Amino acid sequence: MTRASSGAGAIARSLAQRVSTAIGARWKRSLLRHGQTAIVPRENVAGRAMVLVIAIMTFLSCLTLGAVTLVRDTASTWQTQIAREATIQIKPAEGLDMGGALATARRIAASYHGVRDASIVSDTATARLLEPWLGPGLDINELPVPRLIIVTIDPADKPDFAAMRAELRQAVPNAILDDHRTWVDRLVAMSRTTVTIGMGVLALMLSATALTVIFATRGAMAGNGHVIEVLHFVGAEAIFIARQFRRHFLLAGARGAVAGGLVAVIVFVIVSWWSSRNIATPEGDQAAALFGTFSIGLSGYLGVALIVLLIAVLTAATSHVTVMAYLRRIEP
């Protein structure tokens, strides 16, 4: 009797396993026929809200990347322009022949290897530089105004500034050589700090996007938990269930990321158009002096496309990991 009962139990378990596998296969075929919406609900208020949040996060991430690219390129331009020139300033003094001192300093600077040109800033140009503060019609000879010599440098082969500074100090005691090294160091530090802060903000936005997807995935599983558990217990593979969620959230994330990226590109194009339309105006000149042409260039647009792709992939991967972790918890 015991042996018969044991055999009947084994047969029953075998039949139950076959029925479970058959039901799971039937569910899987049904899901493949009707798409992933049999597990993951169609777009609802929560789903649309998630897409909107992803679009906003993508937009802000693209703006952050564009700002970092703009500041980095502008700082690089400033650094290149400053590194191409040095300045010799001669302060006026009692009994100093300014014309002779300028000629001597210019000759010394031009004699060094790596100096392309050395030019004296004329009286007219000096007066024009001081005009915003001292007004028009300024006579340079009546005021103790320092005079300047602009030294153009070969960036690939810079001169020996230490030797030039020592020779100038000996020949023209009132001459001061400024190679703008302090300004270049400050620009490099500012550019690196800005890039570091921008990358940190970008990482925070991507983290917020991942958390949003986690909560949205858990909400979708909570609303369909009974379906997921039945599928899992009757034989549907965990990877199959996770694939449905991954596909759903990949499409949702791609929609939101593309929308946010397109809006960011439109903003960049509008700002670039405004910058080009306001050339030679006070507003345009001030903006150009600070930020260049307000164009992020090809690298910036490629960065926007990369962020869109990254957020879409991050959305799918986050939902996949969340579902797999949930299914591991409910395994008997």
Protein backbone atom coordinates (compact mmCIF):
# COMPACT_ATOMS: atom_id res chain seq x y z
CA MET A 1 0.00 0.00 0.00
CA THR A 2 2.83 2.38 0.89
CA ARG A 3 4.70 1.50 -2.27
CA ALA A 4 1.57 2.13 -4.35
CA SER A 5 0.98 5.45 -2.63
CA SER A 6 4.60 6.47 -3.27
CA GLY A 7 4.30 5.53 -6.93
CA ALA A 8 1.03 7.44 -7.26
CA GLY A 9 2.64 10.49 -5.65
CA ALA A 10 5.58 10.37 -8.06
CA ILE A 11 3.18 10.07 -11.00
CA ALA A 12 1.13 13.00 -9.67
CA ARG A 13 4.23 15.17 -9.24
CA SER A 14 5.39 14.27 -12.73
CA LEU A 15 2.00 15.12 -14.19
CA ALA A 16 1.90 18.39 -12.23
CA GLN A 17 5.34 19.32 -13.51
CA ARG A 18 4.32 18.57 -17.09
CA VAL A 19 1.09 20.53 -16.73
CA SER A 20 3.03 23.41 -15.15
CA THR A 21 5.55 23.41 -17.98
CA ALA A 22 2.78 23.23 -20.59
CA ILE A 23 0.90 26.10 -18.96
CA GLY A 24 4.11 28.13 -18.76
CA ALA A 25 4.84 27.45 -22.42
CA ARG A 26 1.28 28.44 -23.34
CA TRP A 27 1.59 31.67 -21.35
CA LYS A 28 4.92 32.39 -23.04
CA ARG A 29 3.48 31.84 -26.51
CA SER A 30 0.53 34.05 -25.62
CA LEU A 31 2.81 36.79 -24.39
CA LEU A 32 4.97 36.60 -27.48
CA ARG A 33 1.84 36.79 -29.63
CA HIS A 34 0.32 39.77 -27.82
CA GLY A 35 3.50 41.56 -26.89
CA GLN A 36 4.93 42.55 -23.50
CA THR A 37 1.80 44.44 -22.49
CA ALA A 38 0.35 41.12 -21.17
CA ILE A 39 2.74 41.50 -18.20
CA VAL A 40 3.62 45.18 -18.24
CA PRO A 41 0.53 47.41 -18.37
CA ARG A 42 -0.03 49.79 -21.21
CA GLU A 43 0.79 53.44 -20.75
CA ASN A 44 -0.98 54.85 -17.70
CA VAL A 45 -0.55 58.00 -15.62
CA ALA A 46 2.50 56.58 -13.82
CA GLY A 47 4.08 55.44 -17.09
CA ARG A 48 3.58 58.83 -18.73
CA ALA A 49 4.95 60.55 -15.64
CA MET A 50 8.07 58.37 -15.82
CA VAL A 51 8.59 59.25 -19.48
CA LEU A 52 8.21 62.94 -18.61
CA VAL A 53 10.71 62.66 -15.75
CA ILE A 54 13.21 60.91 -18.01
CA ALA A 55 12.72 63.63 -20.65
CA ILE A 56 13.36 66.35 -18.06
CA MET A 57 16.43 64.57 -16.69
CA THR A 58 17.80 64.09 -20.20
CA PHE A 59 17.19 67.75 -21.02
CA LEU A 60 19.00 68.92 -17.88
CA SER A 61 21.83 66.43 -18.47
CA CYS A 62 22.29 67.69 -22.02
CA LEU A 63 22.27 71.31 -20.83
CA THR A 64 24.91 70.44 -18.24
CA LEU A 65 27.07 68.73 -20.84
CA GLY A 66 26.62 71.66 -23.24
CA ALA A 67 27.59 74.18 -20.55
CA VAL A 68 30.67 72.15 -19.63
CA THR A 69 31.66 71.87 -23.30
CA LEU A 70 31.13 75.60 -23.83
CA VAL A 71 33.20 76.63 -20.81
CA ARG A 72 35.94 74.14 -21.64
CA ASP A 73 36.22 75.32 -25.26
CA THR A 74 36.11 78.99 -24.26
CA ALA A 75 38.78 78.51 -21.60
CA SER A 76 40.92 76.66 -24.13
CA THR A 77 40.52 79.55 -26.59
CA TRP A 78 41.43 82.09 -23.93
CA GLN A 79 44.42 80.02 -22.89
CA THR A 80 45.65 79.77 -26.48
CA GLN A 81 45.21 83.48 -27.13
CA ILE A 82 46.90 84.53 -23.90
CA ALA A 83 49.77 82.10 -24.39
CA ARG A 84 50.53 83.67 -27.79
CA GLU A 85 51.33 87.07 -26.34
CA ALA A 86 53.37 88.68 -23.58
CA THR A 87 53.32 92.30 -22.45
CA ILE A 88 56.13 94.66 -21.52
CA GLN A 89 54.96 97.59 -19.41
CA ILE A 90 57.17 100.63 -18.87
CA LYS A 91 56.20 102.94 -16.07
CA PRO A 92 56.91 106.66 -16.47
CA ALA A 93 59.52 108.20 -14.17
CA GLU A 94 61.21 111.57 -13.67
CA GLY A 95 63.76 112.14 -16.40
CA LEU A 96 62.91 108.93 -18.28
CA ASP A 97 63.06 109.13 -22.05
CA MET A 98 59.92 107.10 -22.76
CA GLY A 99 60.57 106.88 -26.50
CA GLY A 100 64.12 105.58 -26.02
CA ALA A 101 63.02 103.14 -23.30
CA LEU A 102 60.28 101.74 -25.54
CA ALA A 103 62.70 101.30 -28.44
CA THR A 104 65.28 99.58 -26.22
CA ALA A 105 62.74 97.22 -24.68
CA ARG A 106 61.33 96.40 -28.08
CA ARG A 107 64.78 95.63 -29.48
CA ILE A 108 65.64 93.35 -26.55
CA ALA A 109 62.39 91.42 -26.81
CA ALA A 110 62.66 91.00 -30.58
CA SER A 111 66.17 89.60 -30.29
CA TYR A 112 65.05 86.44 -28.45
CA HIS A 113 64.44 83.19 -30.23
CA GLY A 114 60.73 82.32 -30.21
CA VAL A 115 59.51 85.92 -30.49
CA ARG A 116 57.67 86.51 -33.73
CA ASP A 117 57.10 90.22 -33.33
CA ALA A 118 57.33 93.04 -30.80
CA SER A 119 55.23 96.15 -31.40
CA ILE A 120 54.85 99.34 -29.39
CA VAL A 121 51.28 100.36 -28.60
CA SER A 122 50.95 103.81 -30.14
CA ASP A 123 49.80 106.96 -28.35
CA THR A 124 46.50 106.86 -30.23
CA ALA A 125 45.82 103.24 -29.31
CA THR A 126 46.74 103.90 -25.66
CA ALA A 127 44.40 106.90 -25.52
CA ARG A 128 41.63 104.79 -27.03
CA LEU A 129 42.14 102.14 -24.35
CA LEU A 130 41.82 104.76 -21.60
CA GLU A 131 38.93 106.63 -23.21
CA PRO A 132 36.13 104.74 -21.35
CA TRP A 133 37.60 105.91 -18.03
CA LEU A 134 39.28 109.27 -18.80
CA GLY A 135 37.11 110.49 -21.67
CA PRO A 136 38.00 111.50 -25.26
CA GLY A 137 40.73 113.92 -26.34
CA LEU A 138 43.29 112.56 -23.90
CA ASP A 139 46.91 113.72 -24.27
CA ILE A 140 49.15 110.85 -23.21
CA ASN A 141 52.17 113.07 -22.74
CA GLU A 142 50.42 115.12 -20.06
CA LEU A 143 49.69 112.14 -17.81
CA PRO A 144 52.00 109.54 -16.18
CA VAL A 145 50.48 106.72 -18.17
CA PRO A 146 52.43 103.44 -18.49
CA ARG A 147 53.26 102.44 -22.05
CA LEU A 148 52.96 98.93 -23.46
CA ILE A 149 54.84 96.69 -25.87
CA ILE A 150 52.99 93.65 -27.25
CA VAL A 151 55.29 90.65 -27.77
CA THR A 152 53.92 87.96 -30.11
CA ILE A 153 55.20 84.51 -29.20
CA ASP A 154 55.55 81.27 -31.10
CA PRO A 155 53.40 78.84 -29.04
CA ALA A 156 55.47 75.88 -30.22
CA ASP A 157 58.81 77.48 -29.29
CA LYS A 158 58.49 79.92 -26.41
CA PRO A 159 61.38 82.27 -25.57
CA ASP A 160 63.39 82.27 -22.35
CA PHE A 161 61.26 84.66 -20.30
CA ALA A 162 63.60 84.55 -17.31
CA ALA A 163 66.57 85.74 -19.35
CA MET A 164 64.45 88.34 -21.14
CA ARG A 165 63.11 89.67 -17.82
CA ALA A 166 66.63 89.96 -16.37
CA GLU A 167 67.99 91.77 -19.43
CA LEU A 168 65.04 94.17 -19.51
CA ARG A 169 65.46 94.95 -15.80
CA GLN A 170 69.12 95.80 -16.39
CA ALA A 171 68.60 97.90 -19.53
CA VAL A 172 65.26 99.55 -18.63
CA PRO A 173 64.73 99.45 -14.84
CA ASN A 174 61.09 100.57 -15.15
CA ALA A 175 60.16 97.76 -17.56
CA ILE A 176 58.00 94.90 -16.32
CA LEU A 177 57.57 91.73 -18.38
CA ASP A 178 54.26 89.88 -17.95
CA ASP A 179 54.07 86.49 -19.66
CA HIS A 180 50.47 85.98 -18.41
CA ARG A 181 51.42 82.70 -16.77
CA THR A 182 49.27 83.53 -13.72
CA TRP A 183 46.21 84.09 -15.90
CA VAL A 184 46.81 80.87 -17.83
CA ASP A 185 47.10 78.87 -14.59
CA ARG A 186 43.87 80.40 -13.31
CA LEU A 187 42.05 79.58 -16.55
CA VAL A 188 43.26 75.98 -16.46
CA ALA A 189 42.16 75.63 -12.84
CA MET A 190 38.77 77.19 -13.60
CA SER A 191 38.22 74.93 -16.59
CA ARG A 192 39.10 71.79 -14.63
CA THR A 193 36.89 72.82 -11.71
CA THR A 194 33.96 73.53 -14.03
CA VAL A 195 34.34 70.19 -15.81
CA THR A 196 34.55 68.35 -12.48
CA ILE A 197 31.42 70.06 -11.13
CA GLY A 198 29.56 69.44 -14.38
CA MET A 199 30.44 65.76 -14.40
CA GLY A 200 29.33 65.51 -10.78
CA VAL A 201 25.97 67.11 -11.57
CA LEU A 202 25.60 64.81 -14.58
CA ALA A 203 26.29 61.76 -12.40
CA LEU A 204 23.64 62.92 -9.91
CA MET A 205 21.08 63.32 -12.70
CA LEU A 206 21.80 59.85 -14.05
CA SER A 207 21.47 58.45 -10.53
CA ALA A 208 18.12 60.20 -10.12
CA THR A 209 17.00 58.73 -13.44
CA ALA A 210 17.97 55.22 -12.31
CA LEU A 211 16.05 55.67 -9.04
CA THR A 212 13.00 56.85 -10.99
CA VAL A 213 13.11 53.74 -13.14
CA ILE A 214 13.49 51.51 -10.08
CA PHE A 215 10.38 52.98 -8.47
CA ALA A 216 8.44 52.79 -11.76
CA THR A 217 9.46 49.14 -12.24
CA ARG A 218 8.46 48.24 -8.71
CA GLY A 219 5.12 49.98 -9.24
CA ALA A 220 4.49 48.05 -12.44
CA MET A 221 5.38 44.77 -10.70
CA ALA A 222 3.18 45.61 -7.72
CA GLY A 223 0.23 46.18 -10.01
CA ASN A 224 0.83 42.89 -11.81
CA GLY A 225 2.44 40.89 -9.02
CA HIS A 226 -0.10 38.07 -9.18
CA VAL A 227 0.49 37.61 -12.91
CA ILE A 228 4.26 37.58 -12.46
CA GLU A 229 4.10 35.10 -9.59
CA VAL A 230 1.79 32.74 -11.48
CA LEU A 231 4.01 32.87 -14.56
CA HIS A 232 7.08 32.28 -12.44
CA PHE A 233 5.59 29.36 -10.52
CA VAL A 234 4.15 27.61 -13.59
CA GLY A 235 7.50 27.51 -15.32
CA ALA A 236 8.13 30.81 -17.10
CA GLU A 237 11.84 31.61 -16.96
CA ALA A 238 12.92 34.62 -14.92
CA ILE A 239 14.93 35.92 -17.88
CA PHE A 240 11.79 35.83 -20.05
CA ILE A 241 9.77 37.88 -17.55
CA ALA A 242 12.66 40.31 -17.08
CA ARG A 243 12.95 40.65 -20.87
CA GLN A 244 9.36 41.89 -21.08
CA PHE A 245 10.02 44.61 -18.52
CA ARG A 246 13.36 45.49 -20.08
CA ARG A 247 11.79 45.92 -23.52
CA HIS A 248 8.93 48.01 -22.11
CA PHE A 249 11.18 50.35 -20.13
CA LEU A 250 13.75 50.54 -22.94
CA LEU A 251 11.07 51.92 -25.24
CA ALA A 252 9.73 54.24 -22.56
CA GLY A 253 13.21 55.47 -21.67
CA ALA A 254 14.11 55.94 -25.33
CA ARG A 255 11.00 58.06 -25.89
CA GLY A 256 11.74 60.27 -22.91
CA ALA A 257 15.47 60.53 -23.66
CA VAL A 258 14.93 61.40 -27.34
CA ALA A 259 12.34 64.04 -26.41
CA GLY A 260 14.63 65.64 -23.83
CA GLY A 261 17.63 65.49 -26.17
CA LEU A 262 15.70 67.11 -29.03
CA VAL A 263 14.54 69.96 -26.79
CA ALA A 264 18.14 70.50 -25.63
CA VAL A 265 19.38 70.58 -29.24
CA ILE A 266 16.66 73.12 -30.11
CA VAL A 267 17.78 75.30 -27.19
CA PHE A 268 21.41 75.12 -28.32
CA VAL A 269 20.46 76.01 -31.90
CA ILE A 270 18.31 78.97 -30.78
CA VAL A 271 21.05 80.33 -28.50
CA SER A 272 23.65 79.92 -31.27
CA TRP A 273 21.32 81.69 -33.73
CA TRP A 274 20.78 84.53 -31.25
CA SER A 275 24.53 84.86 -30.77
CA SER A 276 25.15 85.08 -34.52
CA ARG A 277 22.34 87.65 -34.93
CA ASN A 278 23.71 89.92 -32.20
CA ILE A 279 27.28 90.28 -33.42
CA ALA A 280 28.67 93.82 -33.02
CA THR A 281 26.03 94.73 -30.42
CA PRO A 282 26.82 95.46 -26.73
CA GLU A 283 24.96 92.35 -25.56
CA GLY A 284 26.49 90.15 -28.24
CA ASP A 285 30.00 91.48 -27.62
CA GLN A 286 29.76 90.86 -23.88
CA ALA A 287 28.42 87.34 -24.42
CA ALA A 288 31.10 86.60 -27.03
CA ALA A 289 33.83 87.89 -24.72
CA LEU A 290 32.68 85.54 -21.95
CA PHE A 291 31.48 82.46 -23.85
CA GLY A 292 32.78 82.74 -27.40
CA THR A 293 30.29 81.98 -30.16
CA PHE A 294 27.78 80.11 -27.93
CA SER A 295 28.20 77.05 -30.14
CA ILE A 296 28.89 73.63 -28.62
CA GLY A 297 30.22 72.25 -31.89
CA LEU A 298 30.09 68.73 -33.26
CA SER A 299 31.54 67.21 -30.09
CA GLY A 300 28.72 68.76 -28.05
CA TYR A 301 25.99 67.35 -30.30
CA LEU A 302 27.67 63.94 -30.26
CA GLY A 303 27.68 64.19 -26.48
CA VAL A 304 23.92 64.86 -26.51
CA ALA A 305 23.37 61.76 -28.65
CA LEU A 306 25.56 59.74 -26.28
CA ILE A 307 23.55 60.90 -23.25
CA VAL A 308 20.27 59.96 -24.98
CA LEU A 309 21.63 56.47 -25.71
CA LEU A 310 23.10 56.14 -22.22
CA ILE A 311 19.83 57.05 -20.48
CA ALA A 312 17.82 54.64 -22.65
CA VAL A 313 20.24 51.79 -21.92
CA LEU A 314 20.38 52.74 -18.23
CA THR A 315 16.58 52.61 -18.05
CA ALA A 316 16.45 49.11 -19.57
CA ALA A 317 19.32 47.79 -17.47
CA THR A 318 17.89 49.20 -14.24
CA SER A 319 14.47 47.63 -14.87
CA HIS A 320 16.10 44.29 -15.73
CA VAL A 321 18.13 44.22 -12.51
CA THR A 322 15.11 45.24 -10.44
CA VAL A 323 12.90 42.49 -11.89
CA MET A 324 15.55 39.81 -11.49
CA ALA A 325 16.07 40.80 -7.85
CA TYR A 326 12.29 40.62 -7.27
CA LEU A 327 12.00 37.19 -8.87
CA ARG A 328 14.91 35.86 -6.78
CA ARG A 329 13.08 36.96 -3.64
CA ILE A 330 9.86 35.11 -4.51
CA GLU A 331 11.55 31.85 -5.49
CA PRO A 332 10.43 29.05 -3.18
